[in-house]
Amino acid sequence: MQQNNWIKKIYVNRQVENSPLVERIISQLKPIPVQLVERLEEIQAELRLAPDPIAESKKVLFLTSELAFIRPCPCSPGAVPCGYWTVDLNLNCPFDCSYCILQAYFNLQPLTIAVNQGDLESELAAFLAGTRSKGLRIGTGELGDSLALEAISGQASFLIDLFRNKKGVWLELKTKAAAINSLLSTPASENVILAWSLNTERIIKIEEIGTASPEERLRSAEKAVEHGFKVAFHFDPIIYYSGWEKEYSEVCEGLLKIIPLAALAWVSLGTLRFPAKLREIARQRFPHSSIYEEELVRGRDGKFRYPRPLRLKIYQTLAEIFKAHDGSDKLYLCMESPEVWEDFSKQNKKGKHLASPFFWHE
């Protein structure tokens, strides 16, 4: 994936054809064909004809501009909110994970890079000037991987410089990639967190097509720490299967063996969850996957999840490992109800855990 050789065609919004960033990206990807378009619908009309339009959307690149970038992270109704904000310079992802909600969320969205960086700079300045929060956590990686397109776009490096030394603001760049060499030529900033989504080797091989292995992700995190960055990890989604306990425990132990606690910003835990629409899409696209066949219940937010006792067992199993390494205070639960938070906190009354209100928006 890191060689960008999966891209078949580049579409350029005519409004940005003279952008220096557009010219730079096209020059790096020669001789991939380039087509000027007036609007996104022209690309979607072509994608719709493919046998698997979702897979095809990951093979074409759209260079365009966006009207706005910053938005609150959509939290499931009834879940404990963490006050996370997202900044979306890239949309869609070249990786193909069987559980990815973007399959149901996007409507024929090509790999999209917004090249109007100056507009984001102005929007961020206005946003920060208008906020009353004492701390903000803003991240990429919700609508597209933060680093998968970095080699051609340089967007992550741009964001690091844009957020550098902004007091009370944390920028998180979340990824399943391992190529961070371009970031290692950029000075680290105390308020910039490089974050990796982690899973077991079995799940990554079967369910996270095209992504870096657990070892590659951890080696990249180790390099980031050596360079001066703080790092974070997201065990999300944790997937239940025969052998999960042993294999997830091994990943946690491996993380804690090489990443110093002082360099670890936070670790989120979240189990598999999805809207009903995604299950039908994923079953068709990933017939080999069995993750949708476990016992699942529909929650108040309409999403399917493992039963509450199983979720608590999973969280507690991993929490015990962090507790043994004095890392309990690094943990928080993602998209979980107040009831699950309360049960989890009771089970861990001897250790501290991040809880609402989170420290970044107290």
Protein backbone atom coordinates (compact mmCIF):
# COMPACT_ATOMS: atom_id res chain seq x y z
CA MET A 1 0.00 0.00 0.00
CA GLN A 2 2.74 2.44 0.80
CA GLN A 3 3.97 2.64 -2.81
CA ASN A 4 0.67 4.21 -3.93
CA ASN A 5 0.59 1.74 -6.82
CA TRP A 6 -3.06 0.94 -6.20
CA ILE A 7 -4.18 4.30 -7.65
CA LYS A 8 -5.57 3.85 -11.18
CA LYS A 9 -6.72 7.37 -11.99
CA ILE A 10 -6.59 10.94 -10.66
CA TYR A 11 -9.56 13.28 -10.89
CA VAL A 12 -9.01 16.99 -10.33
CA ASN A 13 -11.73 19.48 -9.55
CA ARG A 14 -11.31 22.18 -12.18
CA GLN A 15 -11.52 24.84 -9.42
CA VAL A 16 -8.16 23.70 -7.98
CA GLU A 17 -6.27 22.61 -11.11
CA ASN A 18 -3.67 25.37 -10.63
CA SER A 19 -3.02 24.58 -6.98
CA PRO A 20 0.68 23.95 -6.22
CA LEU A 21 -0.29 20.94 -4.09
CA VAL A 22 -2.28 19.47 -7.01
CA GLU A 23 0.70 19.91 -9.30
CA ARG A 24 3.01 18.29 -6.73
CA ILE A 25 0.77 15.27 -6.24
CA ILE A 26 0.29 14.70 -9.96
CA SER A 27 4.03 14.93 -10.60
CA GLN A 28 4.68 12.27 -7.95
CA LEU A 29 2.13 9.90 -9.46
CA LYS A 30 3.10 10.08 -13.14
CA PRO A 31 2.13 8.41 -15.46
CA ILE A 32 -1.26 7.79 -13.79
CA PRO A 33 -3.94 9.38 -16.03
CA VAL A 34 -5.52 12.66 -14.92
CA GLN A 35 -9.03 13.92 -15.71
CA LEU A 36 -10.52 17.31 -14.92
CA VAL A 37 -14.07 17.29 -13.55
CA GLU A 38 -16.58 19.93 -12.53
CA ARG A 39 -18.15 18.01 -9.67
CA LEU A 40 -18.00 14.83 -7.60
CA GLU A 41 -21.06 13.32 -9.32
CA GLU A 42 -19.07 12.79 -12.51
CA ILE A 43 -16.73 10.43 -10.64
CA GLN A 44 -19.57 8.70 -8.84
CA ALA A 45 -21.27 7.94 -12.15
CA GLU A 46 -18.20 5.96 -13.22
CA LEU A 47 -17.71 4.24 -9.84
CA ARG A 48 -21.32 3.06 -9.86
CA LEU A 49 -20.60 0.84 -12.88
CA ALA A 50 -17.90 -1.21 -11.10
CA PRO A 51 -18.66 -4.73 -9.80
CA ASP A 52 -17.62 -3.54 -6.32
CA PRO A 53 -18.02 0.26 -6.26
CA ILE A 54 -16.66 0.52 -2.70
CA ALA A 55 -13.44 -1.27 -3.66
CA GLU A 56 -13.18 0.77 -6.86
CA SER A 57 -13.54 4.05 -4.91
CA LYS A 58 -10.31 3.17 -3.10
CA LYS A 59 -8.40 3.06 -6.39
CA VAL A 60 -9.14 6.57 -7.68
CA LEU A 61 -7.92 9.86 -6.25
CA PHE A 62 -9.93 13.08 -6.20
CA LEU A 63 -8.11 16.38 -5.62
CA THR A 64 -10.55 19.10 -4.64
CA SER A 65 -11.42 21.77 -2.10
CA GLU A 66 -13.71 21.59 0.93
CA LEU A 67 -15.95 24.28 2.39
CA ALA A 68 -15.34 23.31 6.05
CA PHE A 69 -13.09 20.92 7.93
CA ILE A 70 -13.72 20.95 11.68
CA ARG A 71 -16.70 19.20 13.28
CA PRO A 72 -17.56 17.41 16.52
CA CYS A 73 -16.99 13.66 16.38
CA PRO A 74 -20.39 11.96 16.02
CA CYS A 75 -20.93 10.10 19.30
CA SER A 76 -23.50 7.32 19.58
CA PRO A 77 -26.70 8.48 21.30
CA GLY A 78 -26.56 7.52 24.96
CA ALA A 79 -22.79 6.97 25.00
CA VAL A 80 -20.44 8.90 27.30
CA PRO A 81 -19.03 11.66 25.09
CA CYS A 82 -15.30 12.33 25.08
CA GLY A 83 -15.42 15.82 23.57
CA TYR A 84 -13.43 14.79 20.50
CA TRP A 85 -13.32 17.04 17.43
CA THR A 86 -12.25 15.97 13.96
CA VAL A 87 -10.47 17.80 11.18
CA ASP A 88 -11.05 16.18 7.80
CA LEU A 89 -8.53 16.97 5.07
CA ASN A 90 -8.78 13.48 3.57
CA LEU A 91 -11.89 11.39 2.94
CA ASN A 92 -12.03 7.63 2.43
CA CYS A 93 -9.14 5.20 2.88
CA PRO A 94 -7.12 2.85 0.64
CA PHE A 95 -7.24 0.17 3.34
CA ASP A 96 -10.20 -2.21 3.23
CA CYS A 97 -11.38 -3.33 6.67
CA SER A 98 -14.39 -5.63 6.83
CA TYR A 99 -15.85 -3.76 9.81
CA CYS A 100 -15.25 -0.21 8.50
CA ILE A 101 -18.36 1.92 8.94
CA LEU A 102 -17.32 4.10 5.99
CA GLN A 103 -18.71 1.34 3.73
CA ALA A 104 -22.17 2.34 4.92
CA TYR A 105 -21.43 6.02 5.53
CA PHE A 106 -19.96 7.12 2.20
CA ASN A 107 -21.86 7.16 -1.07
CA LEU A 108 -19.30 6.30 -3.73
CA GLN A 109 -16.65 8.57 -2.22
CA PRO A 110 -13.27 8.36 -4.01
CA LEU A 111 -10.03 8.80 -2.11
CA THR A 112 -10.27 12.53 -1.57
CA ILE A 113 -7.59 15.06 -0.69
CA ALA A 114 -8.65 18.62 0.06
CA VAL A 115 -5.88 20.88 -1.19
CA ASN A 116 -7.16 24.24 0.16
CA GLN A 117 -4.98 24.17 3.26
CA GLY A 118 -5.13 27.94 3.71
CA ASP A 119 -8.89 27.74 4.30
CA LEU A 120 -8.34 25.21 7.07
CA GLU A 121 -5.77 27.49 8.66
CA SER A 122 -8.30 30.35 8.74
CA GLU A 123 -11.08 28.08 10.01
CA LEU A 124 -8.92 26.72 12.82
CA ALA A 125 -7.91 30.20 13.96
CA ALA A 126 -11.57 31.26 14.13
CA PHE A 127 -12.57 28.02 15.87
CA LEU A 128 -9.92 28.32 18.57
CA ALA A 129 -10.69 32.00 19.10
CA GLY A 130 -14.35 31.19 19.66
CA THR A 131 -14.02 28.22 22.00
CA ARG A 132 -14.27 28.50 25.79
CA SER A 133 -12.93 25.03 26.52
CA LYS A 134 -9.76 24.78 28.59
CA GLY A 135 -8.57 21.88 26.47
CA LEU A 136 -9.38 20.47 23.05
CA ARG A 137 -8.54 17.15 21.45
CA ILE A 138 -8.77 17.35 17.67
CA GLY A 139 -7.88 14.50 15.38
CA THR A 140 -7.83 13.06 11.90
CA GLY A 141 -8.49 9.44 11.09
CA GLU A 142 -12.28 9.35 11.43
CA LEU A 143 -13.19 9.65 7.75
CA GLY A 144 -9.88 8.50 6.35
CA ASP A 145 -6.56 7.14 7.59
CA SER A 146 -4.23 9.93 8.80
CA LEU A 147 -1.05 8.59 7.19
CA ALA A 148 -2.06 6.24 4.35
CA LEU A 149 -1.75 9.07 1.78
CA GLU A 150 0.94 11.05 3.58
CA ALA A 151 3.69 10.13 1.13
CA ILE A 152 1.90 11.97 -1.66
CA SER A 153 -0.08 14.64 0.20
CA GLY A 154 2.11 15.79 3.11
CA GLN A 155 -1.12 16.68 4.96
CA ALA A 156 0.00 15.24 8.30
CA SER A 157 3.23 17.23 8.25
CA PHE A 158 1.21 20.34 7.41
CA LEU A 159 -1.12 19.69 10.36
CA ILE A 160 1.75 19.15 12.78
CA ASP A 161 3.19 22.55 11.90
CA LEU A 162 -0.27 24.14 11.99
CA PHE A 163 -0.99 22.88 15.53
CA ARG A 164 2.56 23.19 16.83
CA ASN A 165 2.74 24.57 20.39
CA LYS A 166 -0.93 25.60 20.50
CA LYS A 167 -1.55 25.63 24.25
CA GLY A 168 -4.43 23.48 25.48
CA VAL A 169 -4.97 21.85 22.08
CA TRP A 170 -3.98 18.26 21.30
CA LEU A 171 -3.74 17.07 17.70
CA GLU A 172 -4.09 13.32 17.21
CA LEU A 173 -3.12 11.62 13.94
CA LYS A 174 -4.66 8.13 13.87
CA THR A 175 -3.50 5.43 11.48
CA LYS A 176 -3.13 1.75 10.59
CA ALA A 177 -0.08 2.48 8.44
CA ALA A 178 3.57 2.13 9.37
CA ALA A 179 5.36 4.55 7.04
CA ILE A 180 6.25 7.55 9.18
CA ASN A 181 9.65 8.47 7.76
CA SER A 182 8.36 11.79 6.39
CA LEU A 183 7.19 12.76 9.89
CA LEU A 184 10.59 11.97 11.36
CA SER A 185 12.03 14.89 9.39
CA THR A 186 9.54 17.17 11.17
CA PRO A 187 10.36 18.37 14.70
CA ALA A 188 8.06 16.80 17.28
CA SER A 189 5.61 18.97 19.22
CA GLU A 190 4.42 18.28 22.76
CA ASN A 191 0.78 18.66 21.79
CA VAL A 192 0.88 16.32 18.76
CA ILE A 193 0.00 12.67 19.35
CA LEU A 194 0.70 9.95 16.78
CA ALA A 195 -1.87 7.20 17.32
CA TRP A 196 -2.23 3.66 16.02
CA SER A 197 -5.30 1.50 15.85
CA LEU A 198 -4.20 -1.91 17.13
CA ASN A 199 -5.56 -5.40 16.73
CA THR A 200 -4.34 -8.96 16.85
CA GLU A 201 -2.33 -10.45 14.01
CA ARG A 202 -5.23 -12.78 13.17
CA ILE A 203 -7.76 -9.96 12.84
CA ILE A 204 -5.38 -7.75 10.88
CA LYS A 205 -4.63 -10.52 8.36
CA ILE A 206 -8.26 -11.47 7.82
CA GLU A 207 -10.23 -8.29 8.46
CA GLU A 208 -7.86 -5.32 7.84
CA ILE A 209 -6.79 -5.72 4.23
CA GLY A 210 -3.73 -3.73 3.18
CA THR A 211 -2.79 -2.45 6.63
CA ALA A 212 0.51 -2.76 8.53
CA SER A 213 1.06 -5.72 10.86
CA PRO A 214 0.94 -5.25 14.66
CA GLU A 215 4.72 -5.45 14.79
CA GLU A 216 5.14 -2.83 12.06
CA ARG A 217 2.76 -0.46 13.83
CA LEU A 218 4.55 -0.86 17.16
CA ARG A 219 7.97 -0.38 15.54
CA SER A 220 6.69 2.84 13.97
CA ALA A 221 5.36 3.98 17.34
CA GLU A 222 8.73 3.24 18.90
CA LYS A 223 10.46 5.36 16.25
CA ALA A 224 7.97 8.17 16.88
CA VAL A 225 8.75 8.10 20.61
CA GLU A 226 12.47 8.15 19.92
CA HIS A 227 11.89 11.23 17.75
CA GLY A 228 10.10 12.99 20.60
CA PHE A 229 6.41 12.42 19.85
CA LYS A 230 3.91 11.12 22.36
CA VAL A 231 1.84 8.20 21.09
CA ALA A 232 -1.61 6.71 21.66
CA PHE A 233 -3.31 3.44 20.79
CA HIS A 234 -6.87 2.43 20.01
CA PHE A 235 -7.99 -1.14 20.55
CA ASP A 236 -11.09 -0.51 18.52
CA PRO A 237 -12.82 -2.57 17.44
CA ILE A 238 -11.91 -5.41 19.77
CA ILE A 239 -13.38 -8.51 18.15
CA TYR A 240 -14.50 -11.58 20.06
CA TYR A 241 -13.36 -14.98 18.74
CA SER A 242 -11.90 -18.22 20.05
CA GLY A 243 -8.45 -17.28 21.38
CA TRP A 244 -9.16 -13.54 21.70
CA GLU A 245 -8.05 -13.31 25.32
CA LYS A 246 -4.58 -14.73 24.75
CA GLU A 247 -3.95 -12.86 21.51
CA TYR A 248 -5.16 -9.42 22.62
CA SER A 249 -3.21 -9.83 25.86
CA GLU A 250 -0.06 -10.52 23.84
CA VAL A 251 -0.57 -7.33 21.82
CA CYS A 252 -1.04 -5.29 25.02
CA GLU A 253 2.05 -6.81 26.61
CA GLY A 254 4.06 -6.10 23.47
CA LEU A 255 2.93 -2.48 23.48
CA LEU A 256 3.82 -1.95 27.14
CA LYS A 257 7.18 -3.64 26.66
CA ILE A 258 8.46 -1.13 24.11
CA ILE A 259 6.49 2.08 24.75
CA PRO A 260 7.41 3.96 27.98
CA LEU A 261 4.39 5.02 30.03
CA ALA A 262 5.68 8.59 30.02
CA ALA A 263 5.33 8.63 26.22
CA LEU A 264 1.86 7.06 26.23
CA ALA A 265 -0.88 9.69 26.00
CA TRP A 266 -3.98 7.46 26.13
CA VAL A 267 -5.38 4.08 25.12
CA SER A 268 -8.99 3.56 24.10
CA LEU A 269 -10.95 0.32 24.36
CA GLY A 270 -14.00 -0.28 22.21
CA THR A 271 -15.66 -3.48 21.05
CA LEU A 272 -17.19 -4.21 17.65
CA ARG A 273 -20.30 -2.16 16.92
CA PHE A 274 -22.09 -1.35 13.69
CA PRO A 275 -25.41 -0.19 12.19
CA ALA A 276 -27.63 -2.84 10.61
CA LYS A 277 -26.91 -1.52 7.13
CA LEU A 278 -23.20 -2.32 7.45
CA ARG A 279 -23.73 -6.02 8.17
CA GLU A 280 -25.40 -6.65 4.81
CA ILE A 281 -22.77 -4.67 2.91
CA ALA A 282 -19.88 -6.42 4.68
CA ARG A 283 -21.34 -9.91 4.28
CA GLN A 284 -21.47 -9.35 0.54
CA ARG A 285 -18.00 -7.82 0.26
CA PHE A 286 -16.23 -10.09 2.78
CA PRO A 287 -17.86 -13.54 2.58
CA HIS A 288 -14.86 -15.08 4.37
CA SER A 289 -15.41 -12.96 7.49
CA SER A 290 -17.23 -14.46 10.47
CA ILE A 291 -17.25 -11.41 12.76
CA TYR A 292 -20.91 -10.65 12.06
CA GLU A 293 -22.03 -14.16 13.05
CA GLU A 294 -21.38 -13.92 16.81
CA GLU A 295 -24.16 -13.22 19.32
CA LEU A 296 -24.97 -9.53 18.96
CA VAL A 297 -27.67 -7.33 20.47
CA ARG A 298 -29.14 -4.09 19.20
CA GLY A 299 -28.52 -1.15 21.52
CA ARG A 300 -30.45 2.02 22.20
CA ASP A 301 -28.50 3.76 19.46
CA GLY A 302 -29.57 1.19 16.88
CA LYS A 303 -26.08 -0.32 16.59
CA PHE A 304 -25.34 -4.00 17.12
CA ARG A 305 -22.87 -4.92 19.88
CA TYR A 306 -21.78 -7.86 21.97
CA PRO A 307 -23.92 -8.38 25.08
CA ARG A 308 -22.96 -6.11 27.96
CA PRO A 309 -21.42 -8.85 30.18
CA LEU A 310 -19.11 -9.91 27.36
CA ARG A 311 -18.05 -6.33 26.67
CA LEU A 312 -17.21 -5.83 30.34
CA LYS A 313 -15.22 -9.06 30.41
CA ILE A 314 -13.19 -7.95 27.40
CA TYR A 315 -12.51 -4.49 28.86
CA GLN A 316 -11.57 -5.90 32.25
CA THR A 317 -9.20 -8.47 30.75
CA LEU A 318 -7.19 -5.77 28.99
CA ALA A 319 -7.45 -3.34 31.91
CA GLU A 320 -5.79 -5.89 34.20
CA ILE A 321 -2.75 -5.92 31.93
CA PHE A 322 -2.41 -2.14 32.01
CA LYS A 323 -2.98 -2.14 35.77
CA ALA A 324 -0.08 -4.59 36.21
CA HIS A 325 2.15 -2.10 34.40
CA ASP A 326 0.83 0.95 36.31
CA GLY A 327 -0.92 2.14 33.18
CA SER A 328 -4.54 2.13 34.34
CA ASP A 329 -4.76 5.92 34.16
CA LYS A 330 -4.16 5.78 30.39
CA LEU A 331 -7.41 3.95 29.59
CA TYR A 332 -10.83 5.10 28.49
CA LEU A 333 -13.82 3.41 26.85
CA CYS A 334 -15.01 4.49 23.44
CA MET A 335 -18.70 4.80 22.55
CA GLU A 336 -19.89 3.10 25.74
CA SER A 337 -22.91 3.84 27.90
CA PRO A 338 -22.78 5.41 31.39
CA GLU A 339 -23.84 2.03 32.80
CA VAL A 340 -20.87 0.22 31.27
CA TRP A 341 -18.56 3.02 32.42
CA GLU A 342 -19.94 2.67 35.95
CA ASP A 343 -19.51 -1.12 36.03
CA PHE A 344 -16.01 -0.81 34.60
CA SER A 345 -15.05 1.80 37.21
CA LYS A 346 -16.37 -0.36 40.06
CA GLN A 347 -14.25 -3.27 38.92
CA ASN A 348 -11.20 -1.01 38.89
CA LYS A 349 -11.75 1.02 42.05
CA LYS A 350 -8.12 0.54 43.09
CA GLY A 351 -6.82 2.11 39.90
CA LYS A 352 -7.50 5.37 38.11
CA HIS A 353 -9.12 5.45 34.70
CA LEU A 354 -9.87 8.35 32.43
CA ALA A 355 -13.55 9.14 32.77
CA SER A 356 -15.96 11.89 31.92
CA PRO A 357 -15.15 14.71 32.02
CA PHE A 358 -11.97 13.82 30.18
CA PHE A 359 -8.88 15.81 30.97
CA TRP A 360 -8.73 17.39 27.53
CA HIS A 361 -12.04 19.21 27.98
CA GLU A 362 -12.34 19.79 31.73
